[in-house]
Amino acid sequence: MEYKVIFHIDENARWQMLLGNVENLLGALGSGHMTVEVLANGEAVQKYAAALPGRDDEADQSLAAKMASLHQEGVTFAACRNAMRANHLTEHDLHPFVVTVPAGVMELVTRQAQGYAYIKP
């Protein structure tokens, strides 16, 4: 059976929990049996930026390393362009493994219509 899951995050404080949930899910089923997307909107898109002034570099580097590792396992990381604009980010600011979508809410609706399970830790 093929599983499809979209994780939604809009708060920076929930990144560790979300990535732990993704790791646990992949550990339980294996990446070969599922399609996983992480959609960030709101302030959470800030953690997709390679560098921003005033950030906790060590913690952010740890998050970025975990995201990059999960991306290598097939996880897609998507950023809402509306949230990027609100947070003064461009595509050039993002880690190379991050893709963008025009509107995060529309991405969530589309993926759920395609049969994706919705998870928001």
PDB file of N, CA and C in Angstrom:
ATOM      1  N   MET A   1       0.837  -1.185   0.000  1.00  0.00           N
ATOM      2  CA  MET A   1       0.000   0.000   0.000  1.00  0.00           C
ATOM      3  C   MET A   1       0.882   1.248   0.000  1.00  0.00           C
ATOM      4  N   GLU A   2       0.511   2.225  -0.796  1.00  0.00           N
ATOM      5  CA  GLU A   2       1.231   3.498  -0.874  1.00  0.00           C
ATOM      6  C   GLU A   2       0.486   4.537  -0.039  1.00  0.00           C
ATOM      7  N   TYR A   3       1.209   5.161   0.880  1.00  0.00           N
ATOM      8  CA  TYR A   3       0.636   6.201   1.732  1.00  0.00           C
ATOM      9  C   TYR A   3       1.095   7.565   1.242  1.00  0.00           C
ATOM     10  N   LYS A   4       0.214   8.558   1.382  1.00  0.00           N
ATOM     11  CA  LYS A   4       0.543   9.937   1.026  1.00  0.00           C
ATOM     12  C   LYS A   4       0.188  10.816   2.221  1.00  0.00           C
ATOM     13  N   VAL A   5       1.155  11.617   2.657  1.00  0.00           N
ATOM     14  CA  VAL A   5       0.973  12.430   3.860  1.00  0.00           C
ATOM     15  C   VAL A   5       1.486  13.838   3.607  1.00  0.00           C
ATOM     16  N   ILE A   6       0.720  14.830   4.062  1.00  0.00           N
ATOM     17  CA  ILE A   6       1.207  16.205   4.064  1.00  0.00           C
ATOM     18  C   ILE A   6       1.220  16.696   5.506  1.00  0.00           C
ATOM     19  N   PHE A   7       2.399  17.109   5.937  1.00  0.00           N
ATOM     20  CA  PHE A   7       2.576  17.710   7.258  1.00  0.00           C
ATOM     21  C   PHE A   7       2.497  19.221   7.090  1.00  0.00           C
ATOM     22  N   HIS A   8       1.777  19.875   7.985  1.00  0.00           N
ATOM     23  CA  HIS A   8       1.587  21.327   7.922  1.00  0.00           C
ATOM     24  C   HIS A   8       2.215  21.965   9.154  1.00  0.00           C
ATOM     25  N   ILE A   9       3.009  23.004   8.928  1.00  0.00           N
ATOM     26  CA  ILE A   9       3.614  23.732  10.043  1.00  0.00           C
ATOM     27  C   ILE A   9       3.522  25.224   9.775  1.00  0.00           C
ATOM     28  N   ASP A  10       3.126  25.974  10.814  1.00  0.00           N
ATOM     29  CA  ASP A  10       3.064  27.431  10.694  1.00  0.00           C
ATOM     30  C   ASP A  10       3.668  28.140  11.905  1.00  0.00           C
ATOM     31  N   GLU A  11       4.282  27.374  12.802  1.00  0.00           N
ATOM     32  CA  GLU A  11       4.916  27.945  13.996  1.00  0.00           C
ATOM     33  C   GLU A  11       6.347  27.426  14.110  1.00  0.00           C
ATOM     34  N   ASN A  12       7.301  28.331  14.320  1.00  0.00           N
ATOM     35  CA  ASN A  12       8.702  27.920  14.449  1.00  0.00           C
ATOM     36  C   ASN A  12       8.927  26.974  15.621  1.00  0.00           C
ATOM     37  N   ALA A  13       8.190  27.150  16.694  1.00  0.00           N
ATOM     38  CA  ALA A  13       8.389  26.337  17.896  1.00  0.00           C
ATOM     39  C   ALA A  13       8.041  24.863  17.686  1.00  0.00           C
ATOM     40  N   ARG A  14       7.364  24.525  16.615  1.00  0.00           N
ATOM     41  CA  ARG A  14       6.918  23.143  16.395  1.00  0.00           C
ATOM     42  C   ARG A  14       7.793  22.345  15.425  1.00  0.00           C
ATOM     43  N   TRP A  15       8.871  22.959  14.919  1.00  0.00           N
ATOM     44  CA  TRP A  15       9.704  22.266  13.936  1.00  0.00           C
ATOM     45  C   TRP A  15      10.293  20.958  14.465  1.00  0.00           C
ATOM     46  N   GLN A  16      10.852  20.971  15.661  1.00  0.00           N
ATOM     47  CA  GLN A  16      11.466  19.742  16.205  1.00  0.00           C
ATOM     48  C   GLN A  16      10.438  18.617  16.281  1.00  0.00           C
ATOM     49  N   MET A  17       9.242  18.938  16.784  1.00  0.00           N
ATOM     50  CA  MET A  17       8.192  17.928  16.900  1.00  0.00           C
ATOM     51  C   MET A  17       7.795  17.403  15.524  1.00  0.00           C
ATOM     52  N   LEU A  18       7.617  18.299  14.571  1.00  0.00           N
ATOM     53  CA  LEU A  18       7.208  17.883  13.237  1.00  0.00           C
ATOM     54  C   LEU A  18       8.250  16.963  12.607  1.00  0.00           C
ATOM     55  N   LEU A  19       9.510  17.363  12.650  1.00  0.00           N
ATOM     56  CA  LEU A  19      10.552  16.534  12.039  1.00  0.00           C
ATOM     57  C   LEU A  19      10.673  15.191  12.747  1.00  0.00           C
ATOM     58  N   GLY A  20      10.466  15.171  14.055  1.00  0.00           N
ATOM     59  CA  GLY A  20      10.436  13.902  14.790  1.00  0.00           C
ATOM     60  C   GLY A  20       9.291  13.020  14.321  1.00  0.00           C
ATOM     61  N   ASN A  21       8.125  13.616  14.088  1.00  0.00           N
ATOM     62  CA  ASN A  21       6.979  12.863  13.567  1.00  0.00           C
ATOM     63  C   ASN A  21       7.291  12.269  12.191  1.00  0.00           C
ATOM     64  N   VAL A  22       7.923  13.055  11.330  1.00  0.00           N
ATOM     65  CA  VAL A  22       8.282  12.569   9.992  1.00  0.00           C
ATOM     66  C   VAL A  22       9.267  11.404  10.107  1.00  0.00           C
ATOM     67  N   GLU A  23      10.288  11.569  10.948  1.00  0.00           N
ATOM     68  CA  GLU A  23      11.272  10.491  11.136  1.00  0.00           C
ATOM     69  C   GLU A  23      10.609   9.228  11.670  1.00  0.00           C
ATOM     70  N   ASN A  24       9.713   9.369  12.627  1.00  0.00           N
ATOM     71  CA  ASN A  24       9.019   8.208  13.190  1.00  0.00           C
ATOM     72  C   ASN A  24       8.160   7.512  12.144  1.00  0.00           C
ATOM     73  N   LEU A  25       7.477   8.291  11.324  1.00  0.00           N
ATOM     74  CA  LEU A  25       6.638   7.716  10.279  1.00  0.00           C
ATOM     75  C   LEU A  25       7.480   6.951   9.264  1.00  0.00           C
ATOM     76  N   LEU A  26       8.573   7.557   8.824  1.00  0.00           N
ATOM     77  CA  LEU A  26       9.455   6.871   7.875  1.00  0.00           C
ATOM     78  C   LEU A  26      10.067   5.624   8.498  1.00  0.00           C
ATOM     79  N   GLY A  27      10.396   5.701   9.781  1.00  0.00           N
ATOM     80  CA  GLY A  27      10.953   4.543  10.474  1.00  0.00           C
ATOM     81  C   GLY A  27       9.964   3.399  10.567  1.00  0.00           C
ATOM     82  N   ALA A  28       8.692   3.729  10.725  1.00  0.00           N
ATOM     83  CA  ALA A  28       7.661   2.705  10.864  1.00  0.00           C
ATOM     84  C   ALA A  28       7.323   2.039   9.532  1.00  0.00           C
ATOM     85  N   LEU A  29       7.290   2.821   8.464  1.00  0.00           N
ATOM     86  CA  LEU A  29       6.836   2.287   7.180  1.00  0.00           C
ATOM     87  C   LEU A  29       7.905   2.240   6.100  1.00  0.00           C
ATOM     88  N   GLY A  30       8.959   3.022   6.250  1.00  0.00           N
ATOM     89  CA  GLY A  30       9.985   3.092   5.215  1.00  0.00           C
ATOM     90  C   GLY A  30       9.591   4.064   4.120  1.00  0.00           C
ATOM     91  N   SER A  31      10.567   4.775   3.600  1.00  0.00           N
ATOM     92  CA  SER A  31      10.285   5.809   2.606  1.00  0.00           C
ATOM     93  C   SER A  31       9.785   5.231   1.282  1.00  0.00           C
ATOM     94  N   GLY A  32      10.024   3.954   1.044  1.00  0.00           N
ATOM     95  CA  GLY A  32       9.576   3.336  -0.200  1.00  0.00           C
ATOM     96  C   GLY A  32       8.083   3.114  -0.276  1.00  0.00           C
ATOM     97  N   HIS A  33       7.387   3.285   0.839  1.00  0.00           N
ATOM     98  CA  HIS A  33       5.953   3.026   0.879  1.00  0.00           C
ATOM     99  C   HIS A  33       5.129   4.292   1.039  1.00  0.00           C
ATOM    100  N   MET A  34       5.768   5.458   0.912  1.00  0.00           N
ATOM    101  CA  MET A  34       4.992   6.669   1.133  1.00  0.00           C
ATOM    102  C   MET A  34       5.564   7.870   0.420  1.00  0.00           C
ATOM    103  N   THR A  35       4.672   8.822   0.209  1.00  0.00           N
ATOM    104  CA  THR A  35       5.034  10.134  -0.297  1.00  0.00           C
ATOM    105  C   THR A  35       4.781  11.109   0.838  1.00  0.00           C
ATOM    106  N   VAL A  36       5.808  11.867   1.214  1.00  0.00           N
ATOM    107  CA  VAL A  36       5.689  12.798   2.338  1.00  0.00           C
ATOM    108  C   VAL A  36       6.069  14.199   1.877  1.00  0.00           C
ATOM    109  N   GLU A  37       5.202  15.153   2.202  1.00  0.00           N
ATOM    110  CA  GLU A  37       5.475  16.565   1.933  1.00  0.00           C
ATOM    111  C   GLU A  37       5.318  17.331   3.238  1.00  0.00           C
ATOM    112  N   VAL A  38       6.216  18.278   3.467  1.00  0.00           N
ATOM    113  CA  VAL A  38       6.123  19.192   4.607  1.00  0.00           C
ATOM    114  C   VAL A  38       5.851  20.571   4.032  1.00  0.00           C
ATOM    115  N   LEU A  39       4.698  21.136   4.370  1.00  0.00           N
ATOM    116  CA  LEU A  39       4.314  22.457   3.878  1.00  0.00           C
ATOM    117  C   LEU A  39       4.444  23.459   5.014  1.00  0.00           C
ATOM    118  N   ALA A  40       5.275  24.478   4.809  1.00  0.00           N
ATOM    119  CA  ALA A  40       5.443  25.533   5.811  1.00  0.00           C
ATOM    120  C   ALA A  40       4.811  26.820   5.308  1.00  0.00           C
ATOM    121  N   ASN A  41       4.023  27.439   6.189  1.00  0.00           N
ATOM    122  CA  ASN A  41       3.530  28.778   5.922  1.00  0.00           C
ATOM    123  C   ASN A  41       3.631  29.572   7.216  1.00  0.00           C
ATOM    124  N   GLY A  42       3.140  30.815   7.211  1.00  0.00           N
ATOM    125  CA  GLY A  42       3.296  31.651   8.397  1.00  0.00           C
ATOM    126  C   GLY A  42       4.769  31.847   8.719  1.00  0.00           C
ATOM    127  N   GLU A  43       5.054  32.027  10.003  1.00  0.00           N
ATOM    128  CA  GLU A  43       6.444  32.259  10.424  1.00  0.00           C
ATOM    129  C   GLU A  43       7.351  31.062  10.190  1.00  0.00           C
ATOM    130  N   ALA A  44       6.779  29.870  10.039  1.00  0.00           N
ATOM    131  CA  ALA A  44       7.585  28.650   9.901  1.00  0.00           C
ATOM    132  C   ALA A  44       8.448  28.643   8.644  1.00  0.00           C
ATOM    133  N   VAL A  45       8.115  29.451   7.634  1.00  0.00           N
ATOM    134  CA  VAL A  45       8.966  29.496   6.435  1.00  0.00           C
ATOM    135  C   VAL A  45      10.351  30.044   6.759  1.00  0.00           C
ATOM    136  N   GLN A  46      10.485  30.772   7.858  1.00  0.00           N
ATOM    137  CA  GLN A  46      11.785  31.334   8.243  1.00  0.00           C
ATOM    138  C   GLN A  46      12.841  30.249   8.411  1.00  0.00           C
ATOM    139  N   LYS A  47      12.437  29.073   8.865  1.00  0.00           N
ATOM    140  CA  LYS A  47      13.399  27.985   9.095  1.00  0.00           C
ATOM    141  C   LYS A  47      13.892  27.355   7.795  1.00  0.00           C
ATOM    142  N   TYR A  48      13.279  27.689   6.678  1.00  0.00           N
ATOM    143  CA  TYR A  48      13.762  27.234   5.375  1.00  0.00           C
ATOM    144  C   TYR A  48      14.879  28.121   4.842  1.00  0.00           C
ATOM    145  N   ALA A  49      15.086  29.280   5.467  1.00  0.00           N
ATOM    146  CA  ALA A  49      16.110  30.214   4.990  1.00  0.00           C
ATOM    147  C   ALA A  49      17.492  29.719   5.389  1.00  0.00           C
ATOM    148  N   ALA A  50      18.431  29.826   4.467  1.00  0.00           N
ATOM    149  CA  ALA A  50      19.797  29.379   4.736  1.00  0.00           C
ATOM    150  C   ALA A  50      20.459  30.223   5.816  1.00  0.00           C
ATOM    151  N   ALA A  51      20.151  31.520   5.862  1.00  0.00           N
ATOM    152  CA  ALA A  51      20.733  32.395   6.889  1.00  0.00           C
ATOM    153  C   ALA A  51      19.864  33.636   7.047  1.00  0.00           C
ATOM    154  N   LEU A  52      19.573  33.966   8.283  1.00  0.00           N
ATOM    155  CA  LEU A  52      18.844  35.197   8.604  1.00  0.00           C
ATOM    156  C   LEU A  52      19.505  35.836   9.812  1.00  0.00           C
ATOM    157  N   PRO A  53      19.599  37.156   9.847  1.00  0.00           N
ATOM    158  CA  PRO A  53      20.200  37.818  11.012  1.00  0.00           C
ATOM    159  C   PRO A  53      19.413  37.534  12.291  1.00  0.00           C
ATOM    160  N   GLY A  54      20.146  37.380  13.385  1.00  0.00           N
ATOM    161  CA  GLY A  54      19.512  37.210  14.689  1.00  0.00           C
ATOM    162  C   GLY A  54      18.972  35.828  14.979  1.00  0.00           C
ATOM    163  N   ARG A  55      19.349  34.839  14.184  1.00  0.00           N
ATOM    164  CA  ARG A  55      18.854  33.482  14.425  1.00  0.00           C
ATOM    165  C   ARG A  55      19.858  32.689  15.237  1.00  0.00           C
ATOM    166  N   ASP A  56      19.363  31.667  15.908  1.00  0.00           N
ATOM    167  CA  ASP A  56      20.212  30.748  16.661  1.00  0.00           C
ATOM    168  C   ASP A  56      20.860  29.802  15.656  1.00  0.00           C
ATOM    169  N   ASP A  57      22.057  30.152  15.214  1.00  0.00           N
ATOM    170  CA  ASP A  57      22.687  29.419  14.119  1.00  0.00           C
ATOM    171  C   ASP A  57      22.847  27.928  14.386  1.00  0.00           C
ATOM    172  N   GLU A  58      23.259  27.552  15.603  1.00  0.00           N
ATOM    173  CA  GLU A  58      23.486  26.135  15.896  1.00  0.00           C
ATOM    174  C   GLU A  58      22.182  25.347  15.809  1.00  0.00           C
ATOM    175  N   ALA A  59      21.130  25.848  16.425  1.00  0.00           N
ATOM    176  CA  ALA A  59      19.839  25.159  16.393  1.00  0.00           C
ATOM    177  C   ALA A  59      19.284  25.124  14.970  1.00  0.00           C
ATOM    178  N   ASP A  60      19.402  26.239  14.250  1.00  0.00           N
ATOM    179  CA  ASP A  60      18.892  26.289  12.884  1.00  0.00           C
ATOM    180  C   ASP A  60      19.695  25.391  11.951  1.00  0.00           C
ATOM    181  N   GLN A  61      21.003  25.305  12.162  1.00  0.00           N
ATOM    182  CA  GLN A  61      21.826  24.406  11.349  1.00  0.00           C
ATOM    183  C   GLN A  61      21.455  22.953  11.607  1.00  0.00           C
ATOM    184  N   SER A  62      21.143  22.638  12.852  1.00  0.00           N
ATOM    185  CA  SER A  62      20.715  21.288  13.199  1.00  0.00           C
ATOM    186  C   SER A  62      19.394  20.946  12.504  1.00  0.00           C
ATOM    187  N   LEU A  63      18.442  21.891  12.528  1.00  0.00           N
ATOM    188  CA  LEU A  63      17.169  21.679  11.830  1.00  0.00           C
ATOM    189  C   LEU A  63      17.394  21.500  10.334  1.00  0.00           C
ATOM    190  N   ALA A  64      18.223  22.361   9.757  1.00  0.00           N
ATOM    191  CA  ALA A  64      18.491  22.292   8.319  1.00  0.00           C
ATOM    192  C   ALA A  64      19.144  20.964   7.947  1.00  0.00           C
ATOM    193  N   ALA A  65      20.059  20.483   8.780  1.00  0.00           N
ATOM    194  CA  ALA A  65      20.715  19.198   8.514  1.00  0.00           C
ATOM    195  C   ALA A  65      19.702  18.057   8.557  1.00  0.00           C
ATOM    196  N   LYS A  66      18.790  18.123   9.519  1.00  0.00           N
ATOM    197  CA  LYS A  66      17.756  17.088   9.624  1.00  0.00           C
ATOM    198  C   LYS A  66      16.834  17.134   8.405  1.00  0.00           C
ATOM    199  N   MET A  67      16.466  18.348   7.981  1.00  0.00           N
ATOM    200  CA  MET A  67      15.624  18.487   6.784  1.00  0.00           C
ATOM    201  C   MET A  67      16.340  17.938   5.550  1.00  0.00           C
ATOM    202  N   ALA A  68      17.612  18.282   5.398  1.00  0.00           N
ATOM    203  CA  ALA A  68      18.379  17.811   4.240  1.00  0.00           C
ATOM    204  C   ALA A  68      18.454  16.288   4.223  1.00  0.00           C
ATOM    205  N   SER A  69      18.636  15.691   5.391  1.00  0.00           N
ATOM    206  CA  SER A  69      18.686  14.235   5.493  1.00  0.00           C
ATOM    207  C   SER A  69      17.342  13.615   5.102  1.00  0.00           C
ATOM    208  N   LEU A  70      16.259  14.201   5.589  1.00  0.00           N
ATOM    209  CA  LEU A  70      14.929  13.699   5.241  1.00  0.00           C
ATOM    210  C   LEU A  70      14.641  13.892   3.752  1.00  0.00           C
ATOM    211  N   HIS A  71      15.119  14.990   3.203  1.00  0.00           N
ATOM    212  CA  HIS A  71      14.961  15.220   1.765  1.00  0.00           C
ATOM    213  C   HIS A  71      15.662  14.105   0.982  1.00  0.00           C
ATOM    214  N   GLN A  72      16.834  13.673   1.453  1.00  0.00           N
ATOM    215  CA  GLN A  72      17.553  12.573   0.806  1.00  0.00           C
ATOM    216  C   GLN A  72      16.747  11.276   0.852  1.00  0.00           C
ATOM    217  N   GLU A  73      15.855  11.166   1.842  1.00  0.00           N
ATOM    218  CA  GLU A  73      14.988   9.988   1.950  1.00  0.00           C
ATOM    219  C   GLU A  73      13.707  10.154   1.139  1.00  0.00           C
ATOM    220  N   GLY A  74      13.577  11.277   0.433  1.00  0.00           N
ATOM    221  CA  GLY A  74      12.426  11.475  -0.441  1.00  0.00           C
ATOM    222  C   GLY A  74      11.376  12.449   0.054  1.00  0.00           C
ATOM    223  N   VAL A  75      11.584  13.054   1.208  1.00  0.00           N
ATOM    224  CA  VAL A  75      10.611  14.011   1.744  1.00  0.00           C
ATOM    225  C   VAL A  75      10.722  15.327   0.974  1.00  0.00           C
ATOM    226  N   THR A  76       9.583  15.866   0.578  1.00  0.00           N
ATOM    227  CA  THR A  76       9.525  17.166  -0.095  1.00  0.00           C
ATOM    228  C   THR A  76       9.261  18.250   0.937  1.00  0.00           C
ATOM    229  N   PHE A  77      10.029  19.321   0.878  1.00  0.00           N
ATOM    230  CA  PHE A  77       9.828  20.478   1.754  1.00  0.00           C
ATOM    231  C   PHE A  77       9.347  21.635   0.887  1.00  0.00           C
ATOM    232  N   ALA A  78       8.154  22.151   1.183  1.00  0.00           N
ATOM    233  CA  ALA A  78       7.537  23.202   0.379  1.00  0.00           C
ATOM    234  C   ALA A  78       7.282  24.443   1.223  1.00  0.00           C
ATOM    235  N   ALA A  79       7.515  25.604   0.612  1.00  0.00           N
ATOM    236  CA  ALA A  79       7.295  26.893   1.275  1.00  0.00           C
ATOM    237  C   ALA A  79       6.206  27.664   0.542  1.00  0.00           C
ATOM    238  N   CYS A  80       5.316  28.262   1.302  1.00  0.00           N
ATOM    239  CA  CYS A  80       4.258  29.114   0.766  1.00  0.00           C
ATOM    240  C   CYS A  80       4.859  30.454   0.340  1.00  0.00           C
ATOM    241  N   ARG A  81       4.657  30.833  -0.920  1.00  0.00           N
ATOM    242  CA  ARG A  81       5.202  32.111  -1.398  1.00  0.00           C
ATOM    243  C   ARG A  81       4.550  33.307  -0.709  1.00  0.00           C
ATOM    244  N   ASN A  82       3.273  33.198  -0.350  1.00  0.00           N
ATOM    245  CA  ASN A  82       2.623  34.296   0.378  1.00  0.00           C
ATOM    246  C   ASN A  82       3.319  34.523   1.716  1.00  0.00           C
ATOM    247  N   ALA A  83       3.614  33.445   2.421  1.00  0.00           N
ATOM    248  CA  ALA A  83       4.308  33.552   3.711  1.00  0.00           C
ATOM    249  C   ALA A  83       5.741  34.039   3.518  1.00  0.00           C
ATOM    250  N   MET A  84       6.366  33.610   2.443  1.00  0.00           N
ATOM    251  CA  MET A  84       7.724  34.089   2.162  1.00  0.00           C
ATOM    252  C   MET A  84       7.724  35.604   1.995  1.00  0.00           C
ATOM    253  N   ARG A  85       6.766  36.101   1.211  1.00  0.00           N
ATOM    254  CA  ARG A  85       6.664  37.553   1.014  1.00  0.00           C
ATOM    255  C   ARG A  85       6.446  38.268   2.345  1.00  0.00           C
ATOM    256  N   ALA A  86       5.549  37.743   3.164  1.00  0.00           N
ATOM    257  CA  ALA A  86       5.253  38.353   4.466  1.00  0.00           C
ATOM    258  C   ALA A  86       6.468  38.345   5.387  1.00  0.00           C
ATOM    259  N   ASN A  87       7.362  37.372   5.192  1.00  0.00           N
ATOM    260  CA  ASN A  87       8.571  37.250   6.017  1.00  0.00           C
ATOM    261  C   ASN A  87       9.815  37.777   5.301  1.00  0.00           C
ATOM    262  N   HIS A  88       9.602  38.488   4.193  1.00  0.00           N
ATOM    263  CA  HIS A  88      10.682  39.138   3.440  1.00  0.00           C
ATOM    264  C   HIS A  88      11.744  38.146   2.958  1.00  0.00           C
ATOM    265  N   LEU A  89      11.280  37.004   2.440  1.00  0.00           N
ATOM    266  CA  LEU A  89      12.173  35.977   1.907  1.00  0.00           C
ATOM    267  C   LEU A  89      11.958  35.834   0.406  1.00  0.00           C
ATOM    268  N   THR A  90      13.034  35.500  -0.288  1.00  0.00           N
ATOM    269  CA  THR A  90      12.935  35.164  -1.708  1.00  0.00           C
ATOM    270  C   THR A  90      13.396  33.718  -1.878  1.00  0.00           C
ATOM    271  N   GLU A  91      13.199  33.175  -3.063  1.00  0.00           N
ATOM    272  CA  GLU A  91      13.641  31.802  -3.324  1.00  0.00           C
ATOM    273  C   GLU A  91      15.147  31.667  -3.147  1.00  0.00           C
ATOM    274  N   HIS A  92      15.890  32.733  -3.393  1.00  0.00           N
ATOM    275  CA  HIS A  92      17.349  32.706  -3.240  1.00  0.00           C
ATOM    276  C   HIS A  92      17.774  32.574  -1.775  1.00  0.00           C
ATOM    277  N   ASP A  93      16.882  32.918  -0.849  1.00  0.00           N
ATOM    278  CA  ASP A  93      17.185  32.808   0.581  1.00  0.00           C
ATOM    279  C   ASP A  93      17.039  31.381   1.100  1.00  0.00           C
ATOM    280  N   LEU A  94      16.343  30.536   0.365  1.00  0.00           N
ATOM    281  CA  LEU A  94      15.982  29.205   0.852  1.00  0.00           C
ATOM    282  C   LEU A  94      17.087  28.180   0.621  1.00  0.00           C
ATOM    283  N   HIS A  95      17.073  27.151   1.465  1.00  0.00           N
ATOM    284  CA  HIS A  95      17.960  26.005   1.234  1.00  0.00           C
ATOM    285  C   HIS A  95      17.604  25.395  -0.125  1.00  0.00           C
ATOM    286  N   PRO A  96      18.577  24.810  -0.806  1.00  0.00           N
ATOM    287  CA  PRO A  96      18.328  24.298  -2.160  1.00  0.00           C
ATOM    288  C   PRO A  96      17.315  23.155  -2.229  1.00  0.00           C
ATOM    289  N   PHE A  97      17.061  22.473  -1.127  1.00  0.00           N
ATOM    290  CA  PHE A  97      16.114  21.358  -1.157  1.00  0.00           C
ATOM    291  C   PHE A  97      14.660  21.807  -1.010  1.00  0.00           C
ATOM    292  N   VAL A  98      14.412  23.095  -0.801  1.00  0.00           N
ATOM    293  CA  VAL A  98      13.055  23.611  -0.589  1.00  0.00           C
ATOM    294  C   VAL A  98      12.447  24.048  -1.920  1.00  0.00           C
ATOM    295  N   VAL A  99      11.221  23.591  -2.171  1.00  0.00           N
ATOM    296  CA  VAL A  99      10.455  24.048  -3.330  1.00  0.00           C
ATOM    297  C   VAL A  99       9.427  25.067  -2.846  1.00  0.00           C
ATOM    298  N   THR A 100       8.892  25.850  -3.761  1.00  0.00           N
ATOM    299  CA  THR A 100       7.882  26.838  -3.373  1.00  0.00           C
ATOM    300  C   THR A 100       6.550  26.516  -4.034  1.00  0.00           C
ATOM    301  N   VAL A 101       5.483  26.928  -3.366  1.00  0.00           N
ATOM    302  CA  VAL A 101       4.127  26.810  -3.900  1.00  0.00           C
ATOM    303  C   VAL A 101       3.487  28.192  -3.801  1.00  0.00           C
ATOM    304  N   PRO A 102       2.584  28.531  -4.719  1.00  0.00           N
ATOM    305  CA  PRO A 102       1.999  29.871  -4.707  1.00  0.00           C
ATOM    306  C   PRO A 102       1.269  30.219  -3.408  1.00  0.00           C
ATOM    307  N   ALA A 103       0.480  29.280  -2.896  1.00  0.00           N
ATOM    308  CA  ALA A 103      -0.303  29.537  -1.682  1.00  0.00           C
ATOM    309  C   ALA A 103      -0.364  28.260  -0.849  1.00  0.00           C
ATOM    310  N   GLY A 104       0.075  28.348   0.386  1.00  0.00           N
ATOM    311  CA  GLY A 104       0.109  27.174   1.253  1.00  0.00           C
ATOM    312  C   GLY A 104      -1.252  26.555   1.483  1.00  0.00           C
ATOM    313  N   VAL A 105      -2.258  27.377   1.707  1.00  0.00           N
ATOM    314  CA  VAL A 105      -3.603  26.857   1.962  1.00  0.00           C
ATOM    315  C   VAL A 105      -4.113  26.096   0.742  1.00  0.00           C
ATOM    316  N   MET A 106      -3.855  26.617  -0.440  1.00  0.00           N
ATOM    317  CA  MET A 106      -4.283  25.920  -1.658  1.00  0.00           C
ATOM    318  C   MET A 106      -3.531  24.607  -1.822  1.00  0.00           C
ATOM    319  N   GLU A 107      -2.260  24.580  -1.455  1.00  0.00           N
ATOM    320  CA  GLU A 107      -1.480  23.335  -1.507  1.00  0.00           C
ATOM    321  C   GLU A 107      -2.095  22.285  -0.583  1.00  0.00           C
ATOM    322  N   LEU A 108      -2.497  22.708   0.614  1.00  0.00           N
ATOM    323  CA  LEU A 108      -3.124  21.781   1.557  1.00  0.00           C
ATOM    324  C   LEU A 108      -4.435  21.231   1.004  1.00  0.00           C
ATOM    325  N   VAL A 109      -5.250  22.096   0.429  1.00  0.00           N
ATOM    326  CA  VAL A 109      -6.531  21.670  -0.148  1.00  0.00           C
ATOM    327  C   VAL A 109      -6.294  20.707  -1.309  1.00  0.00           C
ATOM    328  N   THR A 110      -5.355  21.052  -2.182  1.00  0.00           N
ATOM    329  CA  THR A 110      -5.057  20.214  -3.346  1.00  0.00           C
ATOM    330  C   THR A 110      -4.566  18.838  -2.922  1.00  0.00           C
ATOM    331  N   ARG A 111      -3.621  18.809  -2.005  1.00  0.00           N
ATOM    332  CA  ARG A 111      -3.068  17.517  -1.570  1.00  0.00           C
ATOM    333  C   ARG A 111      -4.136  16.658  -0.886  1.00  0.00           C
ATOM    334  N   GLN A 112      -4.983  17.266  -0.084  1.00  0.00           N
ATOM    335  CA  GLN A 112      -6.033  16.477   0.561  1.00  0.00           C
ATOM    336  C   GLN A 112      -7.026  15.946  -0.473  1.00  0.00           C
ATOM    337  N   ALA A 113      -7.311  16.732  -1.505  1.00  0.00           N
ATOM    338  CA  ALA A 113      -8.185  16.259  -2.584  1.00  0.00           C
ATOM    339  C   ALA A 113      -7.539  15.102  -3.343  1.00  0.00           C
ATOM    340  N   GLN A 114      -6.197  15.060  -3.343  1.00  0.00           N
ATOM    341  CA  GLN A 114      -5.460  13.976  -4.000  1.00  0.00           C
ATOM    342  C   GLN A 114      -5.298  12.755  -3.095  1.00  0.00           C
ATOM    343  N   GLY A 115      -5.893  12.799  -1.912  1.00  0.00           N
ATOM    344  CA  GLY A 115      -5.856  11.651  -1.014  1.00  0.00           C
ATOM    345  C   GLY A 115      -4.774  11.680   0.041  1.00  0.00           C
ATOM    346  N   TYR A 116      -4.074  12.793   0.196  1.00  0.00           N
ATOM    347  CA  TYR A 116      -3.043  12.906   1.226  1.00  0.00           C
ATOM    348  C   TYR A 116      -3.685  13.006   2.605  1.00  0.00           C
ATOM    349  N   ALA A 117      -3.110  12.308   3.565  1.00  0.00           N
ATOM    350  CA  ALA A 117      -3.505  12.480   4.965  1.00  0.00           C
ATOM    351  C   ALA A 117      -2.891  13.785   5.457  1.00  0.00           C
ATOM    352  N   TYR A 118      -3.643  14.531   6.254  1.00  0.00           N
ATOM    353  CA  TYR A 118      -3.192  15.826   6.779  1.00  0.00           C
ATOM    354  C   TYR A 118      -2.764  15.658   8.225  1.00  0.00           C
ATOM    355  N   ILE A 119      -1.544  16.089   8.537  1.00  0.00           N
ATOM    356  CA  ILE A 119      -1.044  16.022   9.915  1.00  0.00           C
ATOM    357  C   ILE A 119      -0.472  17.379  10.281  1.00  0.00           C
ATOM    358  N   LYS A 120      -0.925  17.911  11.412  1.00  0.00           N
ATOM    359  CA  LYS A 120      -0.373  19.164  11.942  1.00  0.00           C
ATOM    360  C   LYS A 120      -0.040  18.933  13.408  1.00  0.00           C
ATOM    361  N   PRO A 121       1.250  18.694  13.688  1.00  0.00           N
ATOM    362  CA  PRO A 121       1.636  18.440  15.086  1.00  0.00           C
ATOM    363  C   PRO A 121       1.486  19.681  15.958  1.00  0.00           C
TER     364      PRO A 121
END
